[in-house]
Amino acid sequence: MSFSLDVKRELCKVNVKLHEIERSEAYGMLLFCHPFSPDEIRFRTDSGCAAERFSRFTAEVTQSGVQTARTLTARKNNAVSYKTNVVDEADCRRIFEMFGHDADSSSLRINMANIEFEPCAAAFLRGAFLTCGHISSPEIEYRLDFSTVYKNLSEDLCRVIRETTELAGGKAASPKISNRRGSYVVYLKDCEDVADLLTLMGAGSASMEVMQVRIQKSIDNEMTRKINFQLANTDKSLSAAARQIKAIKLLEEQGELEKLSEELQFAAKLRLEHPTASLKELTEVAQPAISKSGLNHRLNKLTELAGGVS
């Protein structure tokens, strides 16, 4: 079961008690059918619960006969596809006109009169998602889509999403539109926008899952950053130690080490005894005690002197 189908299953569990809310959701499902016309209304989905909800809401709201066909697809795992249509062509025209659409129009627009209030707009978006929506698994990416063949309809949908999310939470979502194989795809890619819209439509559990994945990814990324930082520091420390040991051995081979001050000979001995230790670790075992800056200065001096005798 995909995450998108799980979301649709959750949305189909939303209990609608008011006729106005049911009508708005039915309008969202109907408007984004392909086709939704005076001659034909056909709803296609891979979600059995969405097909059942479309049939029930359409029949209750429009008093029309609805028929569903269930078929196996040729895709992987023999997925089931559902095709639900309004049976009578006269009912199609009546439904088209009852929501305020002109049979002679060449394009579809959202009739805002059907979704005047925020709860109605949220129900409308839920219906639209059940018809033409898809959401990627948050483990892969944060993306929620609506697909339609009408440009004007996609632009209207963007407006409804922006205005409804702003009314619901004070922060307007930022949907964008892309053209994909002849369809206009309204999409959200911001994690918070996706989670907010899921909550608005009624998929609270899915919204929480999206945010939990985001938090876990943030923790994992921070851990990776710290590990990479520590590895980089370790590499830097080992490289410095290797240069220091090389310099000390060169001074020793040239008979110059024994001519140096006790402080420099002490630093050289300390480094040779602890070849992989960091500067901090060296100061912790040094007897007598010495500061990091003091020890670093002496080791740099040894490297500098070795450069003069090589």
C-alpha atoms as a PDB file:
ATOM      1  CA  MET A   1       0.000   0.000   0.000  1.00  0.00           C
ATOM      2  CA  SER A   2       1.449   3.363  -1.036  1.00  0.00           C
ATOM      3  CA  PHE A   3       1.534   6.398   1.233  1.00  0.00           C
ATOM      4  CA  SER A   4      -0.807   8.195  -1.171  1.00  0.00           C
ATOM      5  CA  LEU A   5      -3.420   5.448  -0.911  1.00  0.00           C
ATOM      6  CA  ASP A   6      -3.029   5.448   2.875  1.00  0.00           C
ATOM      7  CA  VAL A   7      -3.760   9.192   2.895  1.00  0.00           C
ATOM      8  CA  LYS A   8      -6.875   8.687   0.764  1.00  0.00           C
ATOM      9  CA  ARG A   9      -8.023   5.925   3.098  1.00  0.00           C
ATOM     10  CA  GLU A  10      -7.662   8.305   6.048  1.00  0.00           C
ATOM     11  CA  LEU A  11      -9.535  11.072   4.227  1.00  0.00           C
ATOM     12  CA  CYS A  12     -12.373   8.686   3.459  1.00  0.00           C
ATOM     13  CA  LYS A  13     -12.818   8.147   7.199  1.00  0.00           C
ATOM     14  CA  VAL A  14     -13.642  11.820   7.761  1.00  0.00           C
ATOM     15  CA  ASN A  15     -17.184  11.904   9.097  1.00  0.00           C
ATOM     16  CA  VAL A  16     -19.287  14.568   7.368  1.00  0.00           C
ATOM     17  CA  LYS A  17     -22.527  15.505   9.094  1.00  0.00           C
ATOM     18  CA  LEU A  18     -23.552  18.771   7.444  1.00  0.00           C
ATOM     19  CA  HIS A  19     -25.131  18.717   4.010  1.00  0.00           C
ATOM     20  CA  GLU A  20     -23.184  21.843   2.947  1.00  0.00           C
ATOM     21  CA  ILE A  21     -19.871  20.128   3.735  1.00  0.00           C
ATOM     22  CA  GLU A  22     -20.895  16.937   1.943  1.00  0.00           C
ATOM     23  CA  ARG A  23     -21.993  18.994  -1.085  1.00  0.00           C
ATOM     24  CA  SER A  24     -18.652  20.844  -1.192  1.00  0.00           C
ATOM     25  CA  GLU A  25     -16.666  17.615  -1.012  1.00  0.00           C
ATOM     26  CA  ALA A  26     -18.835  16.050  -3.709  1.00  0.00           C
ATOM     27  CA  TYR A  27     -18.235  19.143  -5.838  1.00  0.00           C
ATOM     28  CA  GLY A  28     -14.472  18.739  -5.413  1.00  0.00           C
ATOM     29  CA  MET A  29     -14.639  15.092  -6.461  1.00  0.00           C
ATOM     30  CA  LEU A  30     -16.897  15.796  -9.436  1.00  0.00           C
ATOM     31  CA  LEU A  31     -15.148  18.901 -10.756  1.00  0.00           C
ATOM     32  CA  PHE A  32     -11.783  17.150 -11.066  1.00  0.00           C
ATOM     33  CA  CYS A  33     -13.184  14.065 -12.758  1.00  0.00           C
ATOM     34  CA  HIS A  34     -11.940  13.454 -16.267  1.00  0.00           C
ATOM     35  CA  PRO A  35     -14.295  13.989 -17.873  1.00  0.00           C
ATOM     36  CA  PHE A  36     -16.647  16.259 -15.943  1.00  0.00           C
ATOM     37  CA  SER A  37     -19.016  17.490 -18.643  1.00  0.00           C
ATOM     38  CA  PRO A  38     -22.711  17.782 -19.487  1.00  0.00           C
ATOM     39  CA  ASP A  39     -22.359  14.553 -21.458  1.00  0.00           C
ATOM     40  CA  GLU A  40     -20.241  12.356 -19.210  1.00  0.00           C
ATOM     41  CA  ILE A  41     -18.940  12.202 -15.651  1.00  0.00           C
ATOM     42  CA  ARG A  42     -16.382   9.510 -14.895  1.00  0.00           C
ATOM     43  CA  PHE A  43     -14.333   9.044 -11.727  1.00  0.00           C
ATOM     44  CA  ARG A  44     -11.165   6.903 -11.898  1.00  0.00           C
ATOM     45  CA  THR A  45      -9.105   5.816  -8.912  1.00  0.00           C
ATOM     46  CA  ASP A  46      -6.919   3.074  -7.454  1.00  0.00           C
ATOM     47  CA  SER A  47      -8.573   3.601  -4.071  1.00  0.00           C
ATOM     48  CA  GLY A  48     -11.582   1.435  -3.302  1.00  0.00           C
ATOM     49  CA  CYS A  49     -12.675   3.644  -0.409  1.00  0.00           C
ATOM     50  CA  ALA A  50     -12.449   6.751  -2.623  1.00  0.00           C
ATOM     51  CA  ALA A  51     -14.611   5.068  -5.261  1.00  0.00           C
ATOM     52  CA  GLU A  52     -17.173   4.150  -2.590  1.00  0.00           C
ATOM     53  CA  ARG A  53     -17.176   7.677  -1.152  1.00  0.00           C
ATOM     54  CA  PHE A  54     -17.602   9.233  -4.593  1.00  0.00           C
ATOM     55  CA  SER A  55     -20.556   6.958  -5.336  1.00  0.00           C
ATOM     56  CA  ARG A  56     -22.228   7.634  -1.995  1.00  0.00           C
ATOM     57  CA  PHE A  57     -21.693  11.407  -1.910  1.00  0.00           C
ATOM     58  CA  THR A  58     -22.652  11.897  -5.551  1.00  0.00           C
ATOM     59  CA  ALA A  59     -25.835   9.866  -5.141  1.00  0.00           C
ATOM     60  CA  GLU A  60     -26.810  11.635  -1.906  1.00  0.00           C
ATOM     61  CA  VAL A  61     -26.041  15.162  -3.084  1.00  0.00           C
ATOM     62  CA  THR A  62     -27.311  14.945  -6.663  1.00  0.00           C
ATOM     63  CA  GLN A  63     -29.930  12.173  -6.402  1.00  0.00           C
ATOM     64  CA  SER A  64     -28.331  10.466  -9.425  1.00  0.00           C
ATOM     65  CA  GLY A  65     -27.607   6.875 -10.313  1.00  0.00           C
ATOM     66  CA  VAL A  66     -23.929   5.909 -10.056  1.00  0.00           C
ATOM     67  CA  GLN A  67     -22.226   2.735 -11.274  1.00  0.00           C
ATOM     68  CA  THR A  68     -18.782   1.370 -10.372  1.00  0.00           C
ATOM     69  CA  ALA A  69     -16.665  -1.114 -12.325  1.00  0.00           C
ATOM     70  CA  ARG A  70     -13.704  -2.848 -10.669  1.00  0.00           C
ATOM     71  CA  THR A  71     -10.879  -4.131 -12.878  1.00  0.00           C
ATOM     72  CA  LEU A  72      -7.359  -5.487 -12.492  1.00  0.00           C
ATOM     73  CA  THR A  73      -4.635  -3.404 -14.101  1.00  0.00           C
ATOM     74  CA  ALA A  74      -1.609  -4.678 -15.975  1.00  0.00           C
ATOM     75  CA  ARG A  75       0.674  -2.990 -13.487  1.00  0.00           C
ATOM     76  CA  LYS A  76       2.863  -4.608 -10.860  1.00  0.00           C
ATOM     77  CA  ASN A  77       1.029  -6.714  -8.267  1.00  0.00           C
ATOM     78  CA  ASN A  78      -2.190  -6.652 -10.352  1.00  0.00           C
ATOM     79  CA  ALA A  79      -3.397  -3.423  -8.764  1.00  0.00           C
ATOM     80  CA  VAL A  80      -7.131  -2.798  -8.773  1.00  0.00           C
ATOM     81  CA  SER A  81      -8.601   0.150 -10.658  1.00  0.00           C
ATOM     82  CA  TYR A  82     -12.081   1.559 -10.102  1.00  0.00           C
ATOM     83  CA  LYS A  83     -14.150   3.434 -12.684  1.00  0.00           C
ATOM     84  CA  THR A  84     -17.299   5.082 -11.406  1.00  0.00           C
ATOM     85  CA  ASN A  85     -19.652   6.970 -13.655  1.00  0.00           C
ATOM     86  CA  VAL A  86     -22.981   8.741 -13.541  1.00  0.00           C
ATOM     87  CA  VAL A  87     -25.263   6.396 -15.466  1.00  0.00           C
ATOM     88  CA  ASP A  88     -27.765   8.746 -17.087  1.00  0.00           C
ATOM     89  CA  GLU A  89     -26.549  11.436 -19.512  1.00  0.00           C
ATOM     90  CA  ALA A  90     -29.448  13.661 -18.456  1.00  0.00           C
ATOM     91  CA  ASP A  91     -28.175  13.434 -14.870  1.00  0.00           C
ATOM     92  CA  CYS A  92     -24.720  14.500 -16.059  1.00  0.00           C
ATOM     93  CA  ARG A  93     -26.141  17.705 -17.532  1.00  0.00           C
ATOM     94  CA  ARG A  94     -28.276  18.327 -14.446  1.00  0.00           C
ATOM     95  CA  ILE A  95     -25.273  17.851 -12.115  1.00  0.00           C
ATOM     96  CA  PHE A  96     -23.121  20.070 -14.300  1.00  0.00           C
ATOM     97  CA  GLU A  97     -25.680  22.865 -14.149  1.00  0.00           C
ATOM     98  CA  MET A  98     -26.645  22.428 -10.480  1.00  0.00           C
ATOM     99  CA  PHE A  99     -23.090  23.432  -9.505  1.00  0.00           C
ATOM    100  CA  GLY A 100     -23.351  26.527 -11.687  1.00  0.00           C
ATOM    101  CA  HIS A 101     -21.397  25.467 -14.781  1.00  0.00           C
ATOM    102  CA  ASP A 102     -22.146  26.534 -18.326  1.00  0.00           C
ATOM    103  CA  ALA A 103     -22.527  23.666 -20.775  1.00  0.00           C
ATOM    104  CA  ASP A 104     -21.239  25.876 -23.604  1.00  0.00           C
ATOM    105  CA  SER A 105     -17.982  26.851 -21.869  1.00  0.00           C
ATOM    106  CA  SER A 106     -14.767  25.482 -23.385  1.00  0.00           C
ATOM    107  CA  SER A 107     -12.959  25.387 -20.040  1.00  0.00           C
ATOM    108  CA  LEU A 108     -13.699  24.658 -16.396  1.00  0.00           C
ATOM    109  CA  ARG A 109     -13.325  27.064 -13.492  1.00  0.00           C
ATOM    110  CA  ILE A 110     -14.064  26.608  -9.812  1.00  0.00           C
ATOM    111  CA  ASN A 111     -17.442  28.097  -8.966  1.00  0.00           C
ATOM    112  CA  MET A 112     -16.480  29.852  -5.734  1.00  0.00           C
ATOM    113  CA  ALA A 113     -20.133  30.149  -4.754  1.00  0.00           C
ATOM    114  CA  ASN A 114     -20.029  26.436  -3.891  1.00  0.00           C
ATOM    115  CA  ILE A 115     -17.224  26.881  -1.337  1.00  0.00           C
ATOM    116  CA  GLU A 116     -17.862  30.232   0.316  1.00  0.00           C
ATOM    117  CA  PHE A 117     -16.878  29.157   3.832  1.00  0.00           C
ATOM    118  CA  GLU A 118     -13.557  27.754   5.093  1.00  0.00           C
ATOM    119  CA  PRO A 119     -14.974  24.344   6.173  1.00  0.00           C
ATOM    120  CA  CYS A 120     -16.578  24.015   2.733  1.00  0.00           C
ATOM    121  CA  ALA A 121     -13.300  24.933   1.015  1.00  0.00           C
ATOM    122  CA  ALA A 122     -11.422  22.347   3.110  1.00  0.00           C
ATOM    123  CA  ALA A 123     -13.999  19.694   2.148  1.00  0.00           C
ATOM    124  CA  PHE A 124     -13.718  20.756  -1.499  1.00  0.00           C
ATOM    125  CA  LEU A 125      -9.929  20.282  -1.391  1.00  0.00           C
ATOM    126  CA  ARG A 126     -10.403  16.862   0.210  1.00  0.00           C
ATOM    127  CA  GLY A 127     -12.718  15.879  -2.634  1.00  0.00           C
ATOM    128  CA  ALA A 128     -10.284  17.226  -5.239  1.00  0.00           C
ATOM    129  CA  PHE A 129      -7.442  15.228  -3.721  1.00  0.00           C
ATOM    130  CA  LEU A 130      -9.507  12.036  -3.701  1.00  0.00           C
ATOM    131  CA  THR A 131     -10.094  12.505  -7.433  1.00  0.00           C
ATOM    132  CA  CYS A 132      -6.826  13.812  -8.839  1.00  0.00           C
ATOM    133  CA  GLY A 133      -4.390  14.001  -5.933  1.00  0.00           C
ATOM    134  CA  HIS A 134      -1.179  12.179  -5.157  1.00  0.00           C
ATOM    135  CA  ILE A 135       1.370  12.493  -2.387  1.00  0.00           C
ATOM    136  CA  SER A 136       4.883  11.064  -2.361  1.00  0.00           C
ATOM    137  CA  SER A 137       6.206   9.112   0.586  1.00  0.00           C
ATOM    138  CA  PRO A 138       7.909  11.624   2.917  1.00  0.00           C
ATOM    139  CA  GLU A 139      10.849   9.224   3.120  1.00  0.00           C
ATOM    140  CA  ILE A 140      11.517  10.060  -0.553  1.00  0.00           C
ATOM    141  CA  GLU A 141      10.388  13.683  -0.911  1.00  0.00           C
ATOM    142  CA  TYR A 142       7.846  16.190   0.334  1.00  0.00           C
ATOM    143  CA  ARG A 143       5.446  16.620  -2.589  1.00  0.00           C
ATOM    144  CA  LEU A 144       1.674  16.751  -2.903  1.00  0.00           C
ATOM    145  CA  ASP A 145       0.057  17.023  -6.359  1.00  0.00           C
ATOM    146  CA  PHE A 146      -3.290  17.740  -7.978  1.00  0.00           C
ATOM    147  CA  SER A 147      -3.546  17.044 -11.722  1.00  0.00           C
ATOM    148  CA  THR A 148      -6.055  18.538 -14.159  1.00  0.00           C
ATOM    149  CA  VAL A 149      -6.288  19.086 -17.912  1.00  0.00           C
ATOM    150  CA  TYR A 150      -7.507  22.684 -17.553  1.00  0.00           C
ATOM    151  CA  LYS A 151      -5.102  25.581 -16.986  1.00  0.00           C
ATOM    152  CA  ASN A 152      -7.756  27.890 -15.568  1.00  0.00           C
ATOM    153  CA  LEU A 153      -8.870  25.193 -13.162  1.00  0.00           C
ATOM    154  CA  SER A 154      -5.300  24.677 -11.943  1.00  0.00           C
ATOM    155  CA  GLU A 155      -4.910  28.420 -11.350  1.00  0.00           C
ATOM    156  CA  ASP A 156      -8.205  28.563  -9.456  1.00  0.00           C
ATOM    157  CA  LEU A 157      -7.098  25.611  -7.334  1.00  0.00           C
ATOM    158  CA  CYS A 158      -3.881  27.413  -6.402  1.00  0.00           C
ATOM    159  CA  ARG A 159      -5.946  30.361  -5.238  1.00  0.00           C
ATOM    160  CA  VAL A 160      -8.225  28.164  -3.106  1.00  0.00           C
ATOM    161  CA  ILE A 161      -5.230  26.422  -1.507  1.00  0.00           C
ATOM    162  CA  ARG A 162      -3.512  29.724  -0.699  1.00  0.00           C
ATOM    163  CA  GLU A 163      -6.608  31.398   0.714  1.00  0.00           C
ATOM    164  CA  THR A 164      -7.896  28.406   2.668  1.00  0.00           C
ATOM    165  CA  THR A 165      -4.566  27.556   4.309  1.00  0.00           C
ATOM    166  CA  GLU A 166      -4.116  31.202   5.259  1.00  0.00           C
ATOM    167  CA  LEU A 167      -7.567  31.344   6.849  1.00  0.00           C
ATOM    168  CA  ALA A 168      -6.993  28.052   8.666  1.00  0.00           C
ATOM    169  CA  GLY A 169      -3.528  28.670  10.070  1.00  0.00           C
ATOM    170  CA  GLY A 170      -2.365  32.158   9.281  1.00  0.00           C
ATOM    171  CA  LYS A 171       0.329  31.015   6.828  1.00  0.00           C
ATOM    172  CA  ALA A 172      -0.639  30.723   3.184  1.00  0.00           C
ATOM    173  CA  ALA A 173       0.730  27.700   1.335  1.00  0.00           C
ATOM    174  CA  SER A 174       2.676  28.355  -1.861  1.00  0.00           C
ATOM    175  CA  PRO A 175       1.426  25.993  -4.593  1.00  0.00           C
ATOM    176  CA  LYS A 176       3.053  26.053  -8.021  1.00  0.00           C
ATOM    177  CA  ILE A 177       1.958  24.770 -11.435  1.00  0.00           C
ATOM    178  CA  SER A 178       3.902  22.603 -13.870  1.00  0.00           C
ATOM    179  CA  ASN A 179       2.929  21.157 -17.239  1.00  0.00           C
ATOM    180  CA  ARG A 180       3.312  17.397 -17.445  1.00  0.00           C
ATOM    181  CA  ARG A 181       2.322  15.455 -20.567  1.00  0.00           C
ATOM    182  CA  GLY A 182      -0.606  17.696 -21.387  1.00  0.00           C
ATOM    183  CA  SER A 183      -1.812  18.035 -17.784  1.00  0.00           C
ATOM    184  CA  TYR A 184      -1.477  20.958 -15.396  1.00  0.00           C
ATOM    185  CA  VAL A 185      -0.081  19.819 -12.073  1.00  0.00           C
ATOM    186  CA  VAL A 186      -0.609  21.946  -8.972  1.00  0.00           C
ATOM    187  CA  TYR A 187       2.023  20.925  -6.462  1.00  0.00           C
ATOM    188  CA  LEU A 188       3.408  21.706  -3.019  1.00  0.00           C
ATOM    189  CA  LYS A 189       7.017  20.859  -2.143  1.00  0.00           C
ATOM    190  CA  ASP A 190       7.459  22.644   1.167  1.00  0.00           C
ATOM    191  CA  CYS A 191       7.186  20.187   4.055  1.00  0.00           C
ATOM    192  CA  GLU A 192       5.122  22.519   6.237  1.00  0.00           C
ATOM    193  CA  ASP A 193       2.787  23.355   3.354  1.00  0.00           C
ATOM    194  CA  VAL A 194       2.222  19.656   2.695  1.00  0.00           C
ATOM    195  CA  ALA A 195       1.600  18.897   6.377  1.00  0.00           C
ATOM    196  CA  ASP A 196      -0.731  21.895   6.790  1.00  0.00           C
ATOM    197  CA  LEU A 197      -2.804  20.934   3.752  1.00  0.00           C
ATOM    198  CA  LEU A 198      -3.088  17.325   4.930  1.00  0.00           C
ATOM    199  CA  THR A 199      -4.333  18.560   8.306  1.00  0.00           C
ATOM    200  CA  LEU A 200      -6.780  20.946   6.641  1.00  0.00           C
ATOM    201  CA  MET A 201      -8.222  18.168   4.474  1.00  0.00           C
ATOM    202  CA  GLY A 202      -8.620  15.848   7.475  1.00  0.00           C
ATOM    203  CA  ALA A 203      -5.543  13.599   7.264  1.00  0.00           C
ATOM    204  CA  GLY A 204      -4.085  14.493  10.658  1.00  0.00           C
ATOM    205  CA  SER A 205      -2.214  11.200  11.118  1.00  0.00           C
ATOM    206  CA  ALA A 206      -0.543  11.511   7.714  1.00  0.00           C
ATOM    207  CA  SER A 207       0.395  15.109   8.541  1.00  0.00           C
ATOM    208  CA  MET A 208       2.055  13.977  11.774  1.00  0.00           C
ATOM    209  CA  GLU A 209       3.941  11.257   9.903  1.00  0.00           C
ATOM    210  CA  VAL A 210       5.283  13.811   7.418  1.00  0.00           C
ATOM    211  CA  MET A 211       6.528  16.043  10.267  1.00  0.00           C
ATOM    212  CA  GLN A 212       8.009  13.093  12.174  1.00  0.00           C
ATOM    213  CA  VAL A 213       9.964  12.041   9.083  1.00  0.00           C
ATOM    214  CA  ARG A 214      11.176  15.613   8.711  1.00  0.00           C
ATOM    215  CA  ILE A 215      12.350  15.710  12.341  1.00  0.00           C
ATOM    216  CA  GLN A 216      14.125  12.361  11.984  1.00  0.00           C
ATOM    217  CA  LYS A 217      15.820  13.506   8.765  1.00  0.00           C
ATOM    218  CA  SER A 218      16.934  16.676  10.541  1.00  0.00           C
ATOM    219  CA  ILE A 219      18.394  14.637  13.412  1.00  0.00           C
ATOM    220  CA  ASP A 220      20.133  12.256  10.980  1.00  0.00           C
ATOM    221  CA  ASN A 221      21.551  15.155   8.948  1.00  0.00           C
ATOM    222  CA  GLU A 222      22.846  16.879  12.076  1.00  0.00           C
ATOM    223  CA  MET A 223      24.450  13.631  13.237  1.00  0.00           C
ATOM    224  CA  THR A 224      26.067  13.137   9.834  1.00  0.00           C
ATOM    225  CA  ARG A 225      27.348  16.710   9.883  1.00  0.00           C
ATOM    226  CA  LYS A 226      28.908  16.214  13.323  1.00  0.00           C
ATOM    227  CA  ILE A 227      30.503  12.908  12.300  1.00  0.00           C
ATOM    228  CA  ASN A 228      31.932  14.466   9.138  1.00  0.00           C
ATOM    229  CA  PHE A 229      33.231  17.397  11.175  1.00  0.00           C
ATOM    230  CA  GLN A 230      34.868  15.051  13.671  1.00  0.00           C
ATOM    231  CA  LEU A 231      36.412  12.966  10.877  1.00  0.00           C
ATOM    232  CA  ALA A 232      37.760  16.085   9.213  1.00  0.00           C
ATOM    233  CA  ASN A 233      39.296  17.239  12.491  1.00  0.00           C
ATOM    234  CA  THR A 234      40.778  13.782  13.072  1.00  0.00           C
ATOM    235  CA  ASP A 235      42.321  13.769   9.588  1.00  0.00           C
ATOM    236  CA  LYS A 236      43.735  17.228  10.180  1.00  0.00           C
ATOM    237  CA  SER A 237      45.160  16.191  13.554  1.00  0.00           C
ATOM    238  CA  LEU A 238      46.755  13.008  12.166  1.00  0.00           C
ATOM    239  CA  SER A 239      48.266  14.882   9.229  1.00  0.00           C
ATOM    240  CA  ALA A 240      49.801  17.436  11.587  1.00  0.00           C
ATOM    241  CA  ALA A 241      51.136  14.667  13.840  1.00  0.00           C
ATOM    242  CA  ALA A 242      52.703  12.899  10.843  1.00  0.00           C
ATOM    243  CA  ARG A 243      54.492  16.108   9.790  1.00  0.00           C
ATOM    244  CA  GLN A 244      55.731  16.674  13.322  1.00  0.00           C
ATOM    245  CA  ILE A 245      57.074  13.125  13.703  1.00  0.00           C
ATOM    246  CA  LYS A 246      58.837  13.363  10.345  1.00  0.00           C
ATOM    247  CA  ALA A 247      60.443  16.639  11.405  1.00  0.00           C
ATOM    248  CA  ILE A 248      61.516  15.275  14.789  1.00  0.00           C
ATOM    249  CA  LYS A 249      63.115  12.167  13.258  1.00  0.00           C
ATOM    250  CA  LEU A 250      64.947  14.303  10.711  1.00  0.00           C
ATOM    251  CA  LEU A 251      66.366  16.497  13.485  1.00  0.00           C
ATOM    252  CA  GLU A 252      67.325  13.349  15.372  1.00  0.00           C
ATOM    253  CA  GLU A 253      69.105  11.833  12.345  1.00  0.00           C
ATOM    254  CA  GLN A 254      71.035  15.061  11.758  1.00  0.00           C
ATOM    255  CA  GLY A 255      72.127  15.191  15.418  1.00  0.00           C
ATOM    256  CA  GLU A 256      70.312  18.470  15.892  1.00  0.00           C
ATOM    257  CA  LEU A 257      67.621  17.360  18.328  1.00  0.00           C
ATOM    258  CA  GLU A 258      69.993  16.956  21.269  1.00  0.00           C
ATOM    259  CA  LYS A 259      71.243  20.501  20.735  1.00  0.00           C
ATOM    260  CA  LEU A 260      67.793  21.994  21.264  1.00  0.00           C
ATOM    261  CA  SER A 261      66.361  23.379  24.507  1.00  0.00           C
ATOM    262  CA  GLU A 262      64.854  21.073  27.100  1.00  0.00           C
ATOM    263  CA  GLU A 263      61.398  22.458  26.277  1.00  0.00           C
ATOM    264  CA  LEU A 264      61.714  21.476  22.608  1.00  0.00           C
ATOM    265  CA  GLN A 265      63.194  18.065  23.441  1.00  0.00           C
ATOM    266  CA  PHE A 266      60.301  17.517  25.870  1.00  0.00           C
ATOM    267  CA  ALA A 267      57.759  18.316  23.147  1.00  0.00           C
ATOM    268  CA  ALA A 268      59.562  16.017  20.697  1.00  0.00           C
ATOM    269  CA  LYS A 269      59.619  13.128  23.156  1.00  0.00           C
ATOM    270  CA  LEU A 270      55.941  13.622  23.988  1.00  0.00           C
ATOM    271  CA  ARG A 271      54.963  13.513  20.305  1.00  0.00           C
ATOM    272  CA  LEU A 272      57.061  10.383  19.570  1.00  0.00           C
ATOM    273  CA  GLU A 273      55.551   8.576  22.556  1.00  0.00           C
ATOM    274  CA  HIS A 274      51.986   9.418  21.411  1.00  0.00           C
ATOM    275  CA  PRO A 275      52.119   9.510  17.592  1.00  0.00           C
ATOM    276  CA  THR A 276      48.344   9.573  16.967  1.00  0.00           C
ATOM    277  CA  ALA A 277      47.253  11.739  19.907  1.00  0.00           C
ATOM    278  CA  SER A 278      45.588  15.073  19.334  1.00  0.00           C
ATOM    279  CA  LEU A 279      47.048  18.258  20.748  1.00  0.00           C
ATOM    280  CA  LYS A 280      44.463  18.193  23.527  1.00  0.00           C
ATOM    281  CA  GLU A 281      45.256  14.574  24.357  1.00  0.00           C
ATOM    282  CA  LEU A 282      48.987  15.363  24.502  1.00  0.00           C
ATOM    283  CA  THR A 283      48.429  18.167  27.022  1.00  0.00           C
ATOM    284  CA  GLU A 284      46.401  15.803  29.206  1.00  0.00           C
ATOM    285  CA  VAL A 285      49.319  13.341  29.575  1.00  0.00           C
ATOM    286  CA  ALA A 286      52.136  15.880  29.648  1.00  0.00           C
ATOM    287  CA  GLN A 287      54.216  16.029  32.835  1.00  0.00           C
ATOM    288  CA  PRO A 288      54.892  18.776  33.738  1.00  0.00           C
ATOM    289  CA  ALA A 289      51.640  20.280  32.478  1.00  0.00           C
ATOM    290  CA  ILE A 290      51.647  22.521  29.429  1.00  0.00           C
ATOM    291  CA  SER A 291      48.949  24.507  27.646  1.00  0.00           C
ATOM    292  CA  LYS A 292      47.722  23.644  24.150  1.00  0.00           C
ATOM    293  CA  SER A 293      49.045  26.886  22.738  1.00  0.00           C
ATOM    294  CA  GLY A 294      52.429  26.358  24.380  1.00  0.00           C
ATOM    295  CA  LEU A 295      52.762  22.785  23.105  1.00  0.00           C
ATOM    296  CA  ASN A 296      51.549  23.761  19.646  1.00  0.00           C
ATOM    297  CA  HIS A 297      54.144  26.520  19.507  1.00  0.00           C
ATOM    298  CA  ARG A 298      56.953  24.067  20.389  1.00  0.00           C
ATOM    299  CA  LEU A 299      55.838  21.452  17.828  1.00  0.00           C
ATOM    300  CA  ASN A 300      55.587  24.104  15.113  1.00  0.00           C
ATOM    301  CA  LYS A 301      59.086  25.265  16.074  1.00  0.00           C
ATOM    302  CA  LEU A 302      60.414  21.720  15.622  1.00  0.00           C
ATOM    303  CA  THR A 303      58.830  21.515  12.165  1.00  0.00           C
ATOM    304  CA  GLU A 304      60.311  24.884  11.262  1.00  0.00           C
ATOM    305  CA  LEU A 305      63.796  23.860  12.419  1.00  0.00           C
ATOM    306  CA  ALA A 306      63.587  20.588  10.487  1.00  0.00           C
ATOM    307  CA  GLY A 307      62.872  22.614   7.352  1.00  0.00           C
ATOM    308  CA  GLY A 308      66.136  24.436   7.852  1.00  0.00           C
ATOM    309  CA  VAL A 309      68.271  21.302   8.030  1.00  0.00           C
ATOM    310  CA  SER A 310      66.603  19.213   5.272  1.00  0.00           C
END
